């Protein structure tokens, strides 16, 4: 396993990590979740991603029970949580980035994890109703108290991230270390272009999610719609409609041909493509089956195969390379 610094921070994350969205506490049983974590850890994964809203807190409970059962050295892994959506409550102060909800959210996650601290703590979305100073100061306080080690953002714009850093610099506080954006062959602009200056100015780390575009880049949707898949989950009809366009599926067919010629699989090619980007600190993998995770954990082996010729062929197929505006 390759390990990378999280932006300018000293902490190192495995280039591939394991996430629990839509799986732990929802799509899979606890026994499968345990097997997934063991498989990942044994392959060198040191970062496990979670959030308070995942399965309304159940995902963190399950992950915490597994960590306690395994008894792995606490210094050998990183755990994250995200605060904003709460665990499903809709009353005032049960969501958002107010000082009250951030602290209560942190305490709730620590209790569910059965841990003394959270390594990476994210603001899951920006909150227009809370002054950015309140959010930054609260995160700084949690770091000072040793309850979290690094804080970051998820799906924030470059402007919002820089605003947080400006406030942090003004008041002598700690700004966000990392951002968790969506990034894959079909979703590129934010990571490749919008954040470009932030990498240079504050050394932003990225823990990217959805490298397989909700499973579309596995190729499993090319023939007929399979049973027991993420896009078949009730309530995610919007994701299915957005993801399974004929244009995308045609590109997936062409990308599969590239993978076949390289002697690898389409999922490994798609993940390796993400990991090849030097701005990506870690690629968060999701899986509902152990053999699928075992396969994608081998994706780093494909990175050296992505030479200039192969990359150019992929770019031609995708036809979506971000273009920097000319002024």
Protein backbone atom coordinates (compact mmCIF):
# COMPACT_ATOMS: atom_id res chain seq x y z
CA UNK A 1 0.00 0.00 0.00
CA UNK A 2 1.19 3.52 -0.79
CA UNK A 3 0.83 6.24 1.86
CA UNK A 4 0.46 9.94 1.19
CA UNK A 5 0.51 13.09 3.27
CA UNK A 6 -2.89 14.66 3.80
CA UNK A 7 -2.16 17.91 1.99
CA UNK A 8 0.43 19.86 3.98
CA UNK A 9 -0.34 17.98 7.19
CA UNK A 10 2.16 15.55 8.64
CA UNK A 11 -0.36 12.71 8.97
CA UNK A 12 -0.24 10.03 6.27
CA UNK A 13 -3.23 8.26 4.74
CA UNK A 14 -3.30 5.11 2.66
CA UNK A 15 -3.82 5.88 -1.03
CA UNK A 16 -6.90 3.65 -0.86
CA UNK A 17 -9.33 3.80 2.06
CA UNK A 18 -12.69 2.30 3.04
CA UNK A 19 -15.97 4.20 3.37
CA UNK A 20 -19.28 3.11 4.87
CA UNK A 21 -21.90 5.27 3.10
CA UNK A 22 -24.99 3.24 2.05
CA UNK A 23 -23.39 -0.02 3.18
CA UNK A 24 -22.76 -0.25 6.95
CA UNK A 25 -26.09 -0.46 8.76
CA UNK A 26 -28.08 -0.39 5.54
CA UNK A 27 -27.04 -2.48 2.53
CA UNK A 28 -24.95 -5.12 4.30
CA UNK A 29 -24.97 -7.13 7.51
CA UNK A 30 -22.61 -6.49 10.41
CA UNK A 31 -20.68 -9.66 9.65
CA UNK A 32 -19.93 -8.47 6.12
CA UNK A 33 -18.94 -5.03 7.43
CA UNK A 34 -16.44 -6.73 9.75
CA UNK A 35 -14.98 -8.80 6.92
CA UNK A 36 -14.64 -5.69 4.75
CA UNK A 37 -12.74 -3.81 7.45
CA UNK A 38 -10.45 -6.76 8.15
CA UNK A 39 -9.75 -7.20 4.43
CA UNK A 40 -8.94 -3.51 4.05
CA UNK A 41 -6.77 -3.31 7.17
CA UNK A 42 -4.82 -6.43 6.22
CA UNK A 43 -4.06 -4.85 2.83
CA UNK A 44 -2.63 -1.72 4.46
CA UNK A 45 -5.68 0.56 4.56
CA UNK A 46 -5.33 2.92 7.53
CA UNK A 47 -8.32 5.24 6.98
CA UNK A 48 -11.97 4.37 7.59
CA UNK A 49 -14.52 7.03 6.60
CA UNK A 50 -17.88 7.61 8.27
CA UNK A 51 -20.47 10.30 9.13
CA UNK A 52 -23.18 10.95 11.68
CA UNK A 53 -25.91 10.76 9.02
CA UNK A 54 -24.83 7.40 7.57
CA UNK A 55 -27.64 5.00 8.48
CA UNK A 56 -28.61 7.67 11.04
CA UNK A 57 -25.74 6.85 13.35
CA UNK A 58 -25.86 3.07 12.92
CA UNK A 59 -22.85 3.10 10.59
CA UNK A 60 -20.66 4.61 13.30
CA UNK A 61 -22.02 2.19 15.91
CA UNK A 62 -21.18 -0.80 13.72
CA UNK A 63 -17.73 0.50 12.84
CA UNK A 64 -17.01 1.29 16.48
CA UNK A 65 -18.01 -2.22 17.58
CA UNK A 66 -15.74 -3.75 14.95
CA UNK A 67 -12.79 -1.58 15.97
CA UNK A 68 -13.29 -2.54 19.60
CA UNK A 69 -13.54 -6.23 18.73
CA UNK A 70 -10.43 -6.18 16.53
CA UNK A 71 -8.33 -4.36 19.09
CA UNK A 72 -6.05 -2.85 16.48
CA UNK A 73 -3.42 -0.44 17.78
CA UNK A 74 -5.12 2.98 17.81
CA UNK A 75 -2.06 4.58 16.27
CA UNK A 76 -2.36 2.29 13.23
CA UNK A 77 -5.61 3.66 11.80
CA UNK A 78 -7.54 6.87 11.19
CA UNK A 79 -11.29 7.26 11.65
CA UNK A 80 -13.40 10.11 10.37
CA UNK A 81 -16.84 11.50 11.02
CA UNK A 82 -18.78 14.32 9.43
CA UNK A 83 -21.11 16.79 11.07
CA UNK A 84 -24.02 18.74 9.54
CA UNK A 85 -27.02 16.50 8.83
CA UNK A 86 -27.29 15.05 12.33
CA UNK A 87 -28.72 11.56 12.73
CA UNK A 88 -32.02 12.41 11.08
CA UNK A 89 -33.59 14.91 13.48
CA UNK A 90 -35.30 17.91 11.89
CA UNK A 91 -35.70 20.17 14.93
CA UNK A 92 -33.67 23.40 15.21
CA UNK A 93 -30.06 22.75 16.31
CA UNK A 94 -30.21 19.06 15.36
CA UNK A 95 -28.32 19.83 12.15
CA UNK A 96 -26.04 22.50 10.72
CA UNK A 97 -22.67 23.88 11.78
CA UNK A 98 -23.55 25.86 14.89
CA UNK A 99 -21.25 25.51 17.90
CA UNK A 100 -24.00 23.55 19.65
CA UNK A 101 -24.49 20.99 16.90
CA UNK A 102 -20.80 20.57 16.08
CA UNK A 103 -19.90 19.81 19.70
CA UNK A 104 -22.91 17.58 20.28
CA UNK A 105 -22.23 15.88 16.95
CA UNK A 106 -18.63 15.22 17.93
CA UNK A 107 -19.63 13.83 21.33
CA UNK A 108 -22.26 11.63 19.68
CA UNK A 109 -19.77 10.22 17.18
CA UNK A 110 -17.19 9.53 19.91
CA UNK A 111 -19.80 7.65 21.92
CA UNK A 112 -20.90 5.57 18.92
CA UNK A 113 -17.30 4.83 17.92
CA UNK A 114 -16.33 4.11 21.56
CA UNK A 115 -13.15 6.12 20.94
CA UNK A 116 -11.39 8.93 22.78
CA UNK A 117 -10.80 11.02 19.67
CA UNK A 118 -11.66 11.31 15.97
CA UNK A 119 -8.73 11.70 13.60
CA UNK A 120 -10.51 13.57 10.79
CA UNK A 121 -13.69 15.58 11.41
CA UNK A 122 -15.51 17.16 8.46
CA UNK A 123 -18.14 19.83 8.01
CA UNK A 124 -20.34 17.72 5.75
CA UNK A 125 -21.81 20.71 3.88
CA UNK A 126 -21.47 24.49 4.18
CA UNK A 127 -23.99 26.20 6.48
CA UNK A 128 -25.25 29.57 5.27
CA UNK A 129 -27.07 30.13 8.58
CA UNK A 130 -23.99 29.98 10.78
CA UNK A 131 -21.17 32.58 10.78
CA UNK A 132 -18.02 30.97 9.45
CA UNK A 133 -16.08 32.30 12.46
CA UNK A 134 -18.32 30.28 14.81
CA UNK A 135 -17.67 27.09 12.84
CA UNK A 136 -13.90 27.61 12.55
CA UNK A 137 -13.54 28.54 16.22
CA UNK A 138 -15.54 25.50 17.34
CA UNK A 139 -13.42 23.14 15.26
CA UNK A 140 -10.29 24.79 16.66
CA UNK A 141 -11.62 24.26 20.20
CA UNK A 142 -12.24 20.56 19.55
CA UNK A 143 -8.65 20.22 18.31
CA UNK A 144 -7.37 22.03 21.40
CA UNK A 145 -9.38 19.66 23.59
CA UNK A 146 -7.88 16.62 21.84
CA UNK A 147 -11.28 15.38 20.67
CA UNK A 148 -10.35 15.70 17.00
CA UNK A 149 -6.94 15.96 15.33
CA UNK A 150 -7.71 17.57 11.95
CA UNK A 151 -10.82 19.21 10.58
CA UNK A 152 -11.96 19.61 7.04
CA UNK A 153 -14.86 20.20 4.70
CA UNK A 154 -16.95 18.15 2.30
CA UNK A 155 -18.48 19.55 -0.88
CA UNK A 156 -17.46 23.12 -0.09
CA UNK A 157 -16.61 25.56 -2.86
CA UNK A 158 -13.10 26.96 -3.19
CA UNK A 159 -14.41 30.33 -2.06
CA UNK A 160 -15.96 28.85 1.10
CA UNK A 161 -12.77 26.95 1.96
CA UNK A 162 -10.64 30.05 1.52
CA UNK A 163 -13.06 32.10 3.62
CA UNK A 164 -12.55 29.58 6.45
CA UNK A 165 -8.77 29.93 6.09
CA UNK A 166 -8.98 33.74 6.11
CA UNK A 167 -10.98 33.66 9.34
CA UNK A 168 -8.53 31.17 10.84
CA UNK A 169 -5.55 33.35 9.94
CA UNK A 170 -7.23 36.49 11.27
CA UNK A 171 -7.93 35.00 14.70
CA UNK A 172 -4.95 32.65 15.00
CA UNK A 173 -7.06 29.52 14.61
CA UNK A 174 -6.53 26.25 12.73
CA UNK A 175 -8.11 26.17 9.28
CA UNK A 176 -9.40 23.14 7.36
CA UNK A 177 -6.75 20.59 6.40
CA UNK A 178 -8.73 18.52 3.91
CA UNK A 179 -11.78 18.48 1.66
CA UNK A 180 -13.88 15.45 0.71
CA UNK A 181 -15.24 16.04 -2.80
CA UNK A 182 -16.77 13.72 -5.33
CA UNK A 183 -14.21 12.81 -7.99
CA UNK A 184 -14.30 10.32 -10.84
CA UNK A 185 -13.97 10.16 -14.60
CA UNK A 186 -17.35 11.85 -15.01
CA UNK A 187 -17.03 14.45 -12.22
CA UNK A 188 -13.79 16.38 -12.50
CA UNK A 189 -14.03 20.18 -12.49
CA UNK A 190 -13.89 20.87 -8.76
CA UNK A 191 -10.85 18.70 -7.97
CA UNK A 192 -8.92 19.41 -11.16
CA UNK A 193 -9.69 23.09 -11.66
CA UNK A 194 -11.70 24.88 -8.93
CA UNK A 195 -9.33 23.91 -6.11
CA UNK A 196 -6.15 24.49 -8.14
CA UNK A 197 -5.03 27.61 -6.27
CA UNK A 198 -5.93 26.18 -2.85
CA UNK A 199 -3.51 23.28 -3.30
CA UNK A 200 -0.77 25.86 -3.78
CA UNK A 201 -1.74 28.36 -1.10
CA UNK A 202 -2.87 26.22 1.87
CA UNK A 203 -1.88 22.70 0.81
CA UNK A 204 -5.36 21.19 0.75
CA UNK A 205 -5.61 17.41 1.10
CA UNK A 206 -8.43 15.53 -0.63
CA UNK A 207 -10.19 12.32 0.45
CA UNK A 208 -12.26 11.72 -2.66
CA UNK A 209 -15.52 9.76 -2.79
CA UNK A 210 -17.46 7.96 -5.56
CA UNK A 211 -14.44 6.98 -7.70
CA UNK A 212 -16.68 4.48 -9.53
CA UNK A 213 -19.48 7.02 -10.11
CA UNK A 214 -21.99 5.12 -7.95
CA UNK A 215 -20.98 1.84 -9.56
CA UNK A 216 -21.45 2.93 -13.18
CA UNK A 217 -17.70 2.57 -13.78
CA UNK A 218 -17.77 -1.07 -12.72
CA UNK A 219 -19.51 -1.94 -15.98
CA UNK A 220 -22.21 -3.93 -14.20
CA UNK A 221 -24.99 -1.81 -15.69
CA UNK A 222 -23.99 -2.36 -19.32
CA UNK A 223 -26.30 -5.32 -20.03
CA UNK A 224 -29.19 -5.44 -17.58
CA UNK A 225 -29.92 -3.87 -14.22
CA UNK A 226 -28.53 -6.21 -11.53
CA UNK A 227 -30.18 -6.95 -8.22
CA UNK A 228 -28.86 -5.75 -4.86
CA UNK A 229 -26.94 -2.71 -6.09
CA UNK A 230 -26.53 0.82 -4.82
CA UNK A 231 -28.61 2.36 -7.61
CA UNK A 232 -31.43 -0.04 -6.76
CA UNK A 233 -31.80 1.23 -3.18
CA UNK A 234 -35.19 2.81 -2.50
CA UNK A 235 -34.89 6.57 -2.24
CA UNK A 236 -31.95 6.79 -4.65
CA UNK A 237 -34.04 6.92 -7.82
CA UNK A 238 -32.61 10.40 -8.50
CA UNK A 239 -29.09 8.98 -8.46
CA UNK A 240 -30.04 6.16 -10.82
CA UNK A 241 -31.64 8.57 -13.28
CA UNK A 242 -28.61 10.89 -13.22
CA UNK A 243 -26.03 8.12 -13.44
CA UNK A 244 -27.38 5.71 -16.06
CA UNK A 245 -27.57 7.87 -19.16
CA UNK A 246 -26.97 6.24 -22.54
CA UNK A 247 -24.09 8.64 -23.20
CA UNK A 248 -22.32 7.52 -20.02
CA UNK A 249 -22.92 3.86 -20.69
CA UNK A 250 -21.43 4.22 -24.17
CA UNK A 251 -18.29 5.73 -22.66
CA UNK A 252 -18.17 2.93 -20.09
CA UNK A 253 -18.16 0.37 -22.90
CA UNK A 254 -15.18 2.09 -24.52
CA UNK A 255 -13.35 2.37 -21.20
CA UNK A 256 -13.90 -1.33 -20.58
CA UNK A 257 -12.15 -2.05 -23.88
CA UNK A 258 -9.16 -0.04 -22.63
CA UNK A 259 -9.12 -2.00 -19.37
CA UNK A 260 -9.34 -5.30 -21.24
CA UNK A 261 -6.38 -4.37 -23.43
CA UNK A 262 -4.35 -3.45 -20.33
CA UNK A 263 -5.17 -6.81 -18.80
CA UNK A 264 -7.07 -5.32 -15.88
CA UNK A 265 -10.68 -4.65 -14.86
CA UNK A 266 -12.70 -1.51 -15.41
CA UNK A 267 -13.13 -0.78 -11.65
CA UNK A 268 -9.37 -1.00 -11.08
CA UNK A 269 -8.73 1.24 -14.09
CA UNK A 270 -11.20 3.88 -12.84
CA UNK A 271 -9.77 3.88 -9.31
CA UNK A 272 -6.17 3.96 -10.55
CA UNK A 273 -7.09 6.92 -12.75
CA UNK A 274 -8.26 8.83 -9.65
CA UNK A 275 -5.24 7.80 -7.57
CA UNK A 276 -2.83 8.90 -10.30
CA UNK A 277 -3.88 12.52 -9.72
CA UNK A 278 -1.20 13.94 -7.36
CA UNK A 279 -3.85 16.16 -5.73
CA UNK A 280 -5.72 13.10 -4.45
CA UNK A 281 -4.60 12.10 -0.95
CA UNK A 282 -6.78 8.99 -0.75
CA UNK A 283 -9.49 7.29 -2.80
CA UNK A 284 -12.39 6.13 -0.62
CA UNK A 285 -13.63 2.72 -1.72
CA UNK A 286 -17.13 1.47 -1.05
CA UNK A 287 -18.12 -2.18 -1.25
CA UNK A 288 -20.97 -4.48 -0.29
CA UNK A 289 -19.10 -7.70 -1.12
CA UNK A 290 -15.68 -8.77 0.16
CA UNK A 291 -14.46 -10.05 -3.21
CA UNK A 292 -15.28 -6.72 -4.84
CA UNK A 293 -13.20 -4.89 -2.22
CA UNK A 294 -10.35 -7.38 -2.59
CA UNK A 295 -10.31 -6.58 -6.31
CA UNK A 296 -10.34 -2.79 -5.99
CA UNK A 297 -7.67 -2.87 -3.28
CA UNK A 298 -5.32 -4.01 -6.05
CA UNK A 299 -5.95 -0.85 -8.08
CA UNK A 300 -2.62 0.80 -7.27
CA UNK A 301 -0.96 -1.88 -9.41
CA UNK A 302 -2.65 -0.32 -12.45
CA UNK A 303 -1.32 3.22 -11.91
CA UNK A 304 2.03 2.54 -13.67
CA UNK A 305 0.09 1.33 -16.75
CA UNK A 306 -1.51 4.76 -17.21
CA UNK A 307 1.17 6.23 -19.46
CA UNK A 308 0.71 9.24 -21.73
CA UNK A 309 -0.71 7.15 -24.57
CA UNK A 310 -3.30 5.44 -22.36
CA UNK A 311 -4.23 8.71 -20.65
CA UNK A 312 -4.76 10.40 -24.01
CA UNK A 313 -7.01 7.57 -25.13
CA UNK A 314 -9.05 7.86 -21.94
CA UNK A 315 -9.35 11.64 -22.38
CA UNK A 316 -10.60 11.12 -25.93
CA UNK A 317 -13.28 8.74 -24.71
CA UNK A 318 -14.38 10.97 -21.82
CA UNK A 319 -14.29 14.25 -23.75
CA UNK A 320 -14.67 16.24 -20.53
CA UNK A 321 -11.21 17.48 -19.60
CA UNK A 322 -11.64 20.71 -17.61
CA UNK A 323 -10.57 23.74 -19.59
CA UNK A 324 -9.19 26.71 -17.74
CA UNK A 325 -10.95 29.91 -18.82
CA UNK A 326 -8.84 32.37 -20.82
CA UNK A 327 -8.89 35.95 -19.58
